[in-house]
C-alpha cells in the first residue's frame, strides 16, 4: 500500500515532473525484471524508455499515455514470460 505522504508529494509535482516520476518508476521495475531474467538465464529483450524532462515536455497527453502504455505492455509480457518459465522449471 502506498504511503499517503508519498502520494501527496507526487500530487504536488508539475505534470512534467509527474511524467518523469512515472517513467523512472517503470525504469526501476524494468531493472528488477532484467535482474530476474539474468538470474534465471532468460533472454532479455526488455527496454524501458526514459522520459526526457526537456525534450518530451511538449508531448500531448495522448502521446504520453501511448509512451507509458508501451512500456507497461512490454513489462507485462516479460513478467508473463518469466512466470511461465519459472513455473515450468518447478514442475
PDB file of N, CA and C in Angstrom:
ATOM      1  N   UNK A   1       0.842  -1.168   0.000  1.00  0.00           N
ATOM      2  CA  UNK A   1       0.000   0.000   0.000  1.00  0.00           C
ATOM      3  C   UNK A   1       0.892   1.238   0.000  1.00  0.00           C
ATOM      4  N   UNK A   2       0.503   2.217  -0.784  1.00  0.00           N
ATOM      5  CA  UNK A   2       1.303   3.432  -0.905  1.00  0.00           C
ATOM      6  C   UNK A   2       1.106   4.341   0.298  1.00  0.00           C
ATOM      7  N   UNK A   3       2.196   4.871   0.779  1.00  0.00           N
ATOM      8  CA  UNK A   3       2.197   5.821   1.873  1.00  0.00           C
ATOM      9  C   UNK A   3       1.500   7.108   1.411  1.00  0.00           C
ATOM     10  N   UNK A   4       0.602   7.653   2.226  1.00  0.00           N
ATOM     11  CA  UNK A   4      -0.129   8.870   1.857  1.00  0.00           C
ATOM     12  C   UNK A   4       0.803  10.048   1.626  1.00  0.00           C
ATOM     13  N   UNK A   5       1.900  10.123   2.373  1.00  0.00           N
ATOM     14  CA  UNK A   5       2.845  11.226   2.186  1.00  0.00           C
ATOM     15  C   UNK A   5       3.497  11.161   0.809  1.00  0.00           C
ATOM     16  N   UNK A   6       3.792   9.947   0.346  1.00  0.00           N
ATOM     17  CA  UNK A   6       4.356   9.796  -0.995  1.00  0.00           C
ATOM     18  C   UNK A   6       3.361  10.244  -2.051  1.00  0.00           C
ATOM     19  N   UNK A   7       2.115   9.859  -1.872  1.00  0.00           N
ATOM     20  CA  UNK A   7       1.073  10.236  -2.827  1.00  0.00           C
ATOM     21  C   UNK A   7       0.853  11.747  -2.823  1.00  0.00           C
ATOM     22  N   UNK A   8       0.851  12.344  -1.655  1.00  0.00           N
ATOM     23  CA  UNK A   8       0.696  13.797  -1.553  1.00  0.00           C
ATOM     24  C   UNK A   8       1.871  14.509  -2.226  1.00  0.00           C
ATOM     25  N   UNK A   9       3.078  14.016  -2.014  1.00  0.00           N
ATOM     26  CA  UNK A   9       4.259  14.610  -2.642  1.00  0.00           C
ATOM     27  C   UNK A   9       4.170  14.496  -4.162  1.00  0.00           C
ATOM     28  N   UNK A  10       3.708  13.345  -4.639  1.00  0.00           N
ATOM     29  CA  UNK A  10       3.529  13.155  -6.081  1.00  0.00           C
ATOM     30  C   UNK A  10       2.511  14.151  -6.616  1.00  0.00           C
ATOM     31  N   UNK A  11       1.415  14.338  -5.905  1.00  0.00           N
ATOM     32  CA  UNK A  11       0.360  15.257  -6.344  1.00  0.00           C
ATOM     33  C   UNK A  11       0.840  16.697  -6.417  1.00  0.00           C
ATOM     34  N   UNK A  12       1.864  17.037  -5.673  1.00  0.00           N
ATOM     35  CA  UNK A  12       2.406  18.401  -5.682  1.00  0.00           C
ATOM     36  C   UNK A  12       3.327  18.665  -6.868  1.00  0.00           C
ATOM     37  N   UNK A  13       3.750  17.607  -7.559  1.00  0.00           N
ATOM     38  CA  UNK A  13       4.659  17.766  -8.697  1.00  0.00           C
ATOM     39  C   UNK A  13       3.946  18.396  -9.889  1.00  0.00           C
ATOM     40  N   UNK A  14       4.720  19.029 -10.747  1.00  0.00           N
ATOM     41  CA  UNK A  14       4.167  19.528 -12.015  1.00  0.00           C
ATOM     42  C   UNK A  14       3.833  18.319 -12.898  1.00  0.00           C
ATOM     43  N   UNK A  15       3.045  18.551 -13.920  1.00  0.00           N
ATOM     44  CA  UNK A  15       2.695  17.467 -14.850  1.00  0.00           C
ATOM     45  C   UNK A  15       3.961  16.865 -15.459  1.00  0.00           C
ATOM     46  N   UNK A  16       4.892  17.708 -15.860  1.00  0.00           N
ATOM     47  CA  UNK A  16       6.131  17.223 -16.456  1.00  0.00           C
ATOM     48  C   UNK A  16       6.923  16.363 -15.467  1.00  0.00           C
ATOM     49  N   UNK A  17       6.994  16.801 -14.216  1.00  0.00           N
ATOM     50  CA  UNK A  17       7.700  16.023 -13.199  1.00  0.00           C
ATOM     51  C   UNK A  17       6.967  14.727 -12.870  1.00  0.00           C
ATOM     52  N   UNK A  18       5.634  14.740 -12.925  1.00  0.00           N
ATOM     53  CA  UNK A  18       4.861  13.503 -12.716  1.00  0.00           C
ATOM     54  C   UNK A  18       5.162  12.502 -13.827  1.00  0.00           C
ATOM     55  N   UNK A  19       5.204  12.981 -15.056  1.00  0.00           N
ATOM     56  CA  UNK A  19       5.541  12.109 -16.183  1.00  0.00           C
ATOM     57  C   UNK A  19       6.913  11.472 -15.969  1.00  0.00           C
ATOM     58  N   UNK A  20       7.867  12.291 -15.548  1.00  0.00           N
ATOM     59  CA  UNK A  20       9.230  11.806 -15.311  1.00  0.00           C
ATOM     60  C   UNK A  20       9.262  10.796 -14.172  1.00  0.00           C
ATOM     61  N   UNK A  21       8.534  11.070 -13.107  1.00  0.00           N
ATOM     62  CA  UNK A  21       8.491  10.162 -11.946  1.00  0.00           C
ATOM     63  C   UNK A  21       7.920   8.801 -12.350  1.00  0.00           C
ATOM     64  N   UNK A  22       6.836   8.814 -13.108  1.00  0.00           N
ATOM     65  CA  UNK A  22       6.241   7.542 -13.562  1.00  0.00           C
ATOM     66  C   UNK A  22       7.233   6.795 -14.451  1.00  0.00           C
ATOM     67  N   UNK A  23       7.873   7.510 -15.353  1.00  0.00           N
ATOM     68  CA  UNK A  23       8.867   6.888 -16.218  1.00  0.00           C
ATOM     69  C   UNK A  23       9.997   6.282 -15.394  1.00  0.00           C
ATOM     70  N   UNK A  24      10.462   7.004 -14.383  1.00  0.00           N
ATOM     71  CA  UNK A  24      11.533   6.480 -13.526  1.00  0.00           C
ATOM     72  C   UNK A  24      11.095   5.229 -12.771  1.00  0.00           C
ATOM     73  N   UNK A  25       9.853   5.198 -12.314  1.00  0.00           N
ATOM     74  CA  UNK A  25       9.341   4.002 -11.623  1.00  0.00           C
ATOM     75  C   UNK A  25       9.318   2.813 -12.576  1.00  0.00           C
ATOM     76  N   UNK A  26       8.921   3.042 -13.825  1.00  0.00           N
ATOM     77  CA  UNK A  26       8.908   1.961 -14.813  1.00  0.00           C
ATOM     78  C   UNK A  26      10.326   1.479 -15.112  1.00  0.00           C
ATOM     79  N   UNK A  27      11.280   2.391 -15.109  1.00  0.00           N
ATOM     80  CA  UNK A  27      12.684   2.007 -15.316  1.00  0.00           C
ATOM     81  C   UNK A  27      13.165   1.114 -14.178  1.00  0.00           C
ATOM     82  N   UNK A  28      12.791   1.432 -12.950  1.00  0.00           N
ATOM     83  CA  UNK A  28      13.166   0.600 -11.802  1.00  0.00           C
ATOM     84  C   UNK A  28      12.542  -0.787 -11.935  1.00  0.00           C
ATOM     85  N   UNK A  29      11.269  -0.839 -12.287  1.00  0.00           N
ATOM     86  CA  UNK A  29      10.597  -2.127 -12.484  1.00  0.00           C
ATOM     87  C   UNK A  29      11.296  -2.914 -13.590  1.00  0.00           C
ATOM     88  N   UNK A  30      11.641  -2.241 -14.680  1.00  0.00           N
ATOM     89  CA  UNK A  30      12.355  -2.896 -15.778  1.00  0.00           C
ATOM     90  C   UNK A  30      13.701  -3.442 -15.333  1.00  0.00           C
ATOM     91  N   UNK A  31      14.394  -2.696 -14.495  1.00  0.00           N
ATOM     92  CA  UNK A  31      15.692  -3.162 -13.979  1.00  0.00           C
ATOM     93  C   UNK A  31      15.527  -4.408 -13.122  1.00  0.00           C
ATOM     94  N   UNK A  32      14.486  -4.450 -12.315  1.00  0.00           N
ATOM     95  CA  UNK A  32      14.217  -5.641 -11.494  1.00  0.00           C
ATOM     96  C   UNK A  32      13.910  -6.852 -12.371  1.00  0.00           C
ATOM     97  N   UNK A  33      13.125  -6.641 -13.408  1.00  0.00           N
ATOM     98  CA  UNK A  33      12.814  -7.733 -14.339  1.00  0.00           C
ATOM     99  C   UNK A  33      14.089  -8.208 -15.028  1.00  0.00           C
ATOM    100  N   UNK A  34      14.918  -7.271 -15.469  1.00  0.00           N
ATOM    101  CA  UNK A  34      16.185  -7.647 -16.119  1.00  0.00           C
ATOM    102  C   UNK A  34      17.076  -8.449 -15.178  1.00  0.00           C
ATOM    103  N   UNK A  35      17.100  -8.079 -13.905  1.00  0.00           N
ATOM    104  CA  UNK A  35      17.886  -8.817 -12.910  1.00  0.00           C
ATOM    105  C   UNK A  35      17.371 -10.257 -12.784  1.00  0.00           C
ATOM    106  N   UNK A  36      16.054 -10.408 -12.690  1.00  0.00           N
ATOM    107  CA  UNK A  36      15.459 -11.743 -12.561  1.00  0.00           C
ATOM    108  C   UNK A  36      15.759 -12.566 -13.808  1.00  0.00           C
ATOM    109  N   UNK A  37      15.609 -11.951 -14.980  1.00  0.00           N
ATOM    110  CA  UNK A  37      15.883 -12.679 -16.220  1.00  0.00           C
ATOM    111  C   UNK A  37      17.347 -13.119 -16.284  1.00  0.00           C
ATOM    112  N   UNK A  38      18.231 -12.271 -15.858  1.00  0.00           N
ATOM    113  CA  UNK A  38      19.655 -12.635 -15.861  1.00  0.00           C
ATOM    114  C   UNK A  38      19.906 -13.790 -14.899  1.00  0.00           C
ATOM    115  N   UNK A  39      19.300 -13.730 -13.719  1.00  0.00           N
ATOM    116  CA  UNK A  39      19.474 -14.776 -12.711  1.00  0.00           C
ATOM    117  C   UNK A  39      18.999 -16.134 -13.222  1.00  0.00           C
ATOM    118  N   UNK A  40      17.919 -16.144 -13.992  1.00  0.00           N
ATOM    119  CA  UNK A  40      17.351 -17.390 -14.498  1.00  0.00           C
ATOM    120  C   UNK A  40      17.784 -17.694 -15.939  1.00  0.00           C
ATOM    121  N   UNK A  41      18.777 -16.965 -16.431  1.00  0.00           N
ATOM    122  CA  UNK A  41      19.286 -17.173 -17.798  1.00  0.00           C
ATOM    123  C   UNK A  41      18.183 -17.099 -18.850  1.00  0.00           C
ATOM    124  N   UNK A  42      17.330 -16.119 -18.722  1.00  0.00           N
ATOM    125  CA  UNK A  42      16.248 -15.882 -19.676  1.00  0.00           C
ATOM    126  C   UNK A  42      16.703 -14.768 -20.610  1.00  0.00           C
ATOM    127  N   UNK A  43      16.491 -14.969 -21.908  1.00  0.00           N
ATOM    128  CA  UNK A  43      16.844 -13.917 -22.866  1.00  0.00           C
ATOM    129  C   UNK A  43      16.168 -12.619 -22.465  1.00  0.00           C
ATOM    130  N   UNK A  44      16.944 -11.566 -22.478  1.00  0.00           N
ATOM    131  CA  UNK A  44      16.459 -10.274 -22.027  1.00  0.00           C
ATOM    132  C   UNK A  44      16.254  -9.347 -23.216  1.00  0.00           C
ATOM    133  N   UNK A  45      15.003  -8.943 -23.421  1.00  0.00           N
ATOM    134  CA  UNK A  45      14.682  -8.043 -24.523  1.00  0.00           C
ATOM    135  C   UNK A  45      13.969  -6.788 -24.046  1.00  0.00           C
ATOM    136  N   UNK A  46      13.830  -6.621 -22.740  1.00  0.00           N
ATOM    137  CA  UNK A  46      13.057  -5.500 -22.199  1.00  0.00           C
ATOM    138  C   UNK A  46      13.877  -4.215 -22.221  1.00  0.00           C
ATOM    139  N   UNK A  47      13.347  -3.234 -22.889  1.00  0.00           N
ATOM    140  CA  UNK A  47      13.948  -1.901 -22.930  1.00  0.00           C
ATOM    141  C   UNK A  47      12.859  -0.899 -22.534  1.00  0.00           C
ATOM    142  N   UNK A  48      13.083  -0.196 -21.454  1.00  0.00           N
ATOM    143  CA  UNK A  48      12.142   0.815 -20.984  1.00  0.00           C
ATOM    144  C   UNK A  48      12.646   2.180 -21.429  1.00  0.00           C
ATOM    145  N   UNK A  49      11.754   2.954 -22.021  1.00  0.00           N
ATOM    146  CA  UNK A  49      12.131   4.287 -22.486  1.00  0.00           C
ATOM    147  C   UNK A  49      12.287   5.223 -21.288  1.00  0.00           C
ATOM    148  N   UNK A  50      13.181   6.187 -21.424  1.00  0.00           N
ATOM    149  CA  UNK A  50      13.394   7.169 -20.374  1.00  0.00           C
ATOM    150  C   UNK A  50      12.773   8.493 -20.809  1.00  0.00           C
ATOM    151  N   UNK A  51      11.788   8.966 -20.043  1.00  0.00           N
ATOM    152  CA  UNK A  51      11.166  10.256 -20.321  1.00  0.00           C
ATOM    153  C   UNK A  51      12.208  11.345 -20.144  1.00  0.00           C
ATOM    154  N   UNK A  52      12.293  12.226 -21.123  1.00  0.00           N
ATOM    155  CA  UNK A  52      13.257  13.317 -21.082  1.00  0.00           C
ATOM    156  C   UNK A  52      12.518  14.597 -20.688  1.00  0.00           C
ATOM    157  N   UNK A  53      12.849  15.117 -19.495  1.00  0.00           N
ATOM    158  CA  UNK A  53      12.145  16.285 -18.950  1.00  0.00           C
ATOM    159  C   UNK A  53      12.114  17.473 -19.905  1.00  0.00           C
ATOM    160  N   UNK A  54      13.175  17.702 -20.636  1.00  0.00           N
ATOM    161  CA  UNK A  54      13.200  18.871 -21.516  1.00  0.00           C
ATOM    162  C   UNK A  54      12.706  18.551 -22.933  1.00  0.00           C
ATOM    163  N   UNK A  55      13.048  17.387 -23.446  1.00  0.00           N
ATOM    164  CA  UNK A  55      12.692  17.031 -24.821  1.00  0.00           C
ATOM    165  C   UNK A  55      11.226  16.604 -24.959  1.00  0.00           C
ATOM    166  N   UNK A  56      10.705  15.910 -23.967  1.00  0.00           N
ATOM    167  CA  UNK A  56       9.360  15.331 -24.077  1.00  0.00           C
ATOM    168  C   UNK A  56       8.261  16.202 -23.475  1.00  0.00           C
ATOM    169  N   UNK A  57       8.603  17.368 -22.957  1.00  0.00           N
ATOM    170  CA  UNK A  57       7.629  18.234 -22.293  1.00  0.00           C
ATOM    171  C   UNK A  57       6.483  18.648 -23.222  1.00  0.00           C
ATOM    172  N   UNK A  58       6.749  18.751 -24.513  1.00  0.00           N
ATOM    173  CA  UNK A  58       5.732  19.221 -25.452  1.00  0.00           C
ATOM    174  C   UNK A  58       4.827  18.113 -25.982  1.00  0.00           C
ATOM    175  N   UNK A  59       5.051  16.892 -25.552  1.00  0.00           N
ATOM    176  CA  UNK A  59       4.159  15.804 -25.969  1.00  0.00           C
ATOM    177  C   UNK A  59       2.794  16.019 -25.324  1.00  0.00           C
ATOM    178  N   UNK A  60       1.752  15.768 -26.115  1.00  0.00           N
ATOM    179  CA  UNK A  60       0.413  15.923 -25.547  1.00  0.00           C
ATOM    180  C   UNK A  60       0.058  14.691 -24.715  1.00  0.00           C
ATOM    181  N   UNK A  61      -1.047  14.779 -24.024  1.00  0.00           N
ATOM    182  CA  UNK A  61      -1.414  13.699 -23.096  1.00  0.00           C
ATOM    183  C   UNK A  61      -1.588  12.353 -23.807  1.00  0.00           C
ATOM    184  N   UNK A  62      -2.155  12.376 -25.007  1.00  0.00           N
ATOM    185  CA  UNK A  62      -2.299  11.138 -25.773  1.00  0.00           C
ATOM    186  C   UNK A  62      -0.957  10.505 -26.093  1.00  0.00           C
ATOM    187  N   UNK A  63       0.007  11.329 -26.483  1.00  0.00           N
ATOM    188  CA  UNK A  63       1.344  10.820 -26.787  1.00  0.00           C
ATOM    189  C   UNK A  63       2.017  10.256 -25.536  1.00  0.00           C
ATOM    190  N   UNK A  64       1.832  10.923 -24.418  1.00  0.00           N
ATOM    191  CA  UNK A  64       2.424  10.440 -23.164  1.00  0.00           C
ATOM    192  C   UNK A  64       1.780   9.133 -22.734  1.00  0.00           C
ATOM    193  N   UNK A  65       0.463   9.053 -22.850  1.00  0.00           N
ATOM    194  CA  UNK A  65      -0.209   7.803 -22.476  1.00  0.00           C
ATOM    195  C   UNK A  65       0.264   6.649 -23.353  1.00  0.00           C
ATOM    196  N   UNK A  66       0.454   6.888 -24.639  1.00  0.00           N
ATOM    197  CA  UNK A  66       0.980   5.855 -25.536  1.00  0.00           C
ATOM    198  C   UNK A  66       2.410   5.495 -25.155  1.00  0.00           C
ATOM    199  N   UNK A  67       3.220   6.497 -24.846  1.00  0.00           N
ATOM    200  CA  UNK A  67       4.610   6.318 -24.412  1.00  0.00           C
ATOM    201  C   UNK A  67       4.656   5.388 -23.194  1.00  0.00           C
ATOM    202  N   UNK A  68       3.822   5.667 -22.194  1.00  0.00           N
ATOM    203  CA  UNK A  68       3.795   4.869 -20.970  1.00  0.00           C
ATOM    204  C   UNK A  68       3.166   3.497 -21.200  1.00  0.00           C
ATOM    205  N   UNK A  69       2.091   3.452 -22.003  1.00  0.00           N
ATOM    206  CA  UNK A  69       1.402   2.189 -22.262  1.00  0.00           C
ATOM    207  C   UNK A  69       2.341   1.172 -22.910  1.00  0.00           C
ATOM    208  N   UNK A  70       3.159   1.626 -23.826  1.00  0.00           N
ATOM    209  CA  UNK A  70       4.095   0.718 -24.489  1.00  0.00           C
ATOM    210  C   UNK A  70       5.027   0.051 -23.478  1.00  0.00           C
ATOM    211  N   UNK A  71       5.561   0.850 -22.552  1.00  0.00           N
ATOM    212  CA  UNK A  71       6.437   0.280 -21.526  1.00  0.00           C
ATOM    213  C   UNK A  71       5.675  -0.666 -20.606  1.00  0.00           C
ATOM    214  N   UNK A  72       4.484  -0.278 -20.182  1.00  0.00           N
ATOM    215  CA  UNK A  72       3.682  -1.132 -19.300  1.00  0.00           C
ATOM    216  C   UNK A  72       3.347  -2.453 -19.988  1.00  0.00           C
ATOM    217  N   UNK A  73       2.969  -2.390 -21.250  1.00  0.00           N
ATOM    218  CA  UNK A  73       2.650  -3.599 -22.007  1.00  0.00           C
ATOM    219  C   UNK A  73       3.877  -4.514 -22.096  1.00  0.00           C
ATOM    220  N   UNK A  74       5.042  -3.934 -22.404  1.00  0.00           N
ATOM    221  CA  UNK A  74       6.267  -4.736 -22.507  1.00  0.00           C
ATOM    222  C   UNK A  74       6.658  -5.351 -21.166  1.00  0.00           C
ATOM    223  N   UNK A  75       6.470  -4.612 -20.089  1.00  0.00           N
ATOM    224  CA  UNK A  75       6.732  -5.145 -18.748  1.00  0.00           C
ATOM    225  C   UNK A  75       5.815  -6.326 -18.468  1.00  0.00           C
ATOM    226  N   UNK A  76       4.546  -6.161 -18.784  1.00  0.00           N
ATOM    227  CA  UNK A  76       3.576  -7.245 -18.568  1.00  0.00           C
ATOM    228  C   UNK A  76       3.972  -8.505 -19.337  1.00  0.00           C
ATOM    229  N   UNK A  77       4.361  -8.359 -20.592  1.00  0.00           N
ATOM    230  CA  UNK A  77       4.781  -9.504 -21.415  1.00  0.00           C
ATOM    231  C   UNK A  77       5.988 -10.199 -20.795  1.00  0.00           C
ATOM    232  N   UNK A  78       6.946  -9.430 -20.312  1.00  0.00           N
ATOM    233  CA  UNK A  78       8.138 -10.020 -19.702  1.00  0.00           C
ATOM    234  C   UNK A  78       7.788 -10.771 -18.421  1.00  0.00           C
ATOM    235  N   UNK A  79       6.910 -10.214 -17.619  1.00  0.00           N
ATOM    236  CA  UNK A  79       6.501 -10.888 -16.381  1.00  0.00           C
ATOM    237  C   UNK A  79       5.778 -12.192 -16.699  1.00  0.00           C
ATOM    238  N   UNK A  80       4.946 -12.184 -17.721  1.00  0.00           N
ATOM    239  CA  UNK A  80       4.254 -13.412 -18.137  1.00  0.00           C
ATOM    240  C   UNK A  80       5.273 -14.455 -18.582  1.00  0.00           C
ATOM    241  N   UNK A  81       6.252 -14.045 -19.369  1.00  0.00           N
ATOM    242  CA  UNK A  81       7.287 -14.972 -19.837  1.00  0.00           C
ATOM    243  C   UNK A  81       8.083 -15.546 -18.668  1.00  0.00           C
ATOM    244  N   UNK A  82       8.511 -14.680 -17.756  1.00  0.00           N
ATOM    245  CA  UNK A  82       9.276 -15.134 -16.588  1.00  0.00           C
ATOM    246  C   UNK A  82       8.457 -16.112 -15.769  1.00  0.00           C
ATOM    247  N   UNK A  83       7.209 -15.776 -15.521  1.00  0.00           N
ATOM    248  CA  UNK A  83       6.337 -16.628 -14.715  1.00  0.00           C
ATOM    249  C   UNK A  83       6.171 -18.001 -15.354  1.00  0.00           C
ATOM    250  N   UNK A  84       5.918 -18.048 -16.660  1.00  0.00           N
ATOM    251  CA  UNK A  84       5.765 -19.329 -17.363  1.00  0.00           C
ATOM    252  C   UNK A  84       7.033 -20.167 -17.261  1.00  0.00           C
ATOM    253  N   UNK A  85       8.187 -19.539 -17.486  1.00  0.00           N
ATOM    254  CA  UNK A  85       9.443 -20.287 -17.446  1.00  0.00           C
ATOM    255  C   UNK A  85       9.768 -20.805 -16.055  1.00  0.00           C
ATOM    256  N   UNK A  86       9.519 -19.989 -15.051  1.00  0.00           N
ATOM    257  CA  UNK A  86       9.780 -20.426 -13.669  1.00  0.00           C
ATOM    258  C   UNK A  86       8.817 -21.545 -13.272  1.00  0.00           C
ATOM    259  N   UNK A  87       7.559 -21.421 -13.674  1.00  0.00           N
ATOM    260  CA  UNK A  87       6.573 -22.464 -13.335  1.00  0.00           C
ATOM    261  C   UNK A  87       6.935 -23.781 -14.021  1.00  0.00           C
ATOM    262  N   UNK A  88       7.392 -23.709 -15.268  1.00  0.00           N
ATOM    263  CA  UNK A  88       7.804 -24.924 -15.990  1.00  0.00           C
ATOM    264  C   UNK A  88       9.014 -25.570 -15.315  1.00  0.00           C
ATOM    265  N   UNK A  89       9.919 -24.746 -14.824  1.00  0.00           N
ATOM    266  CA  UNK A  89      11.111 -25.249 -14.128  1.00  0.00           C
ATOM    267  C   UNK A  89      10.760 -25.947 -12.815  1.00  0.00           C
ATOM    268  N   UNK A  90       9.683 -25.517 -12.189  1.00  0.00           N
ATOM    269  CA  UNK A  90       9.284 -26.059 -10.881  1.00  0.00           C
ATOM    270  C   UNK A  90       8.370 -27.271 -10.979  1.00  0.00           C
ATOM    271  N   UNK A  91       8.128 -27.748 -12.176  1.00  0.00           N
ATOM    272  CA  UNK A  91       7.263 -28.928 -12.342  1.00  0.00           C
ATOM    273  C   UNK A  91       8.035 -30.180 -12.032  1.00  0.00           C
TER     274      UNK A  91
END
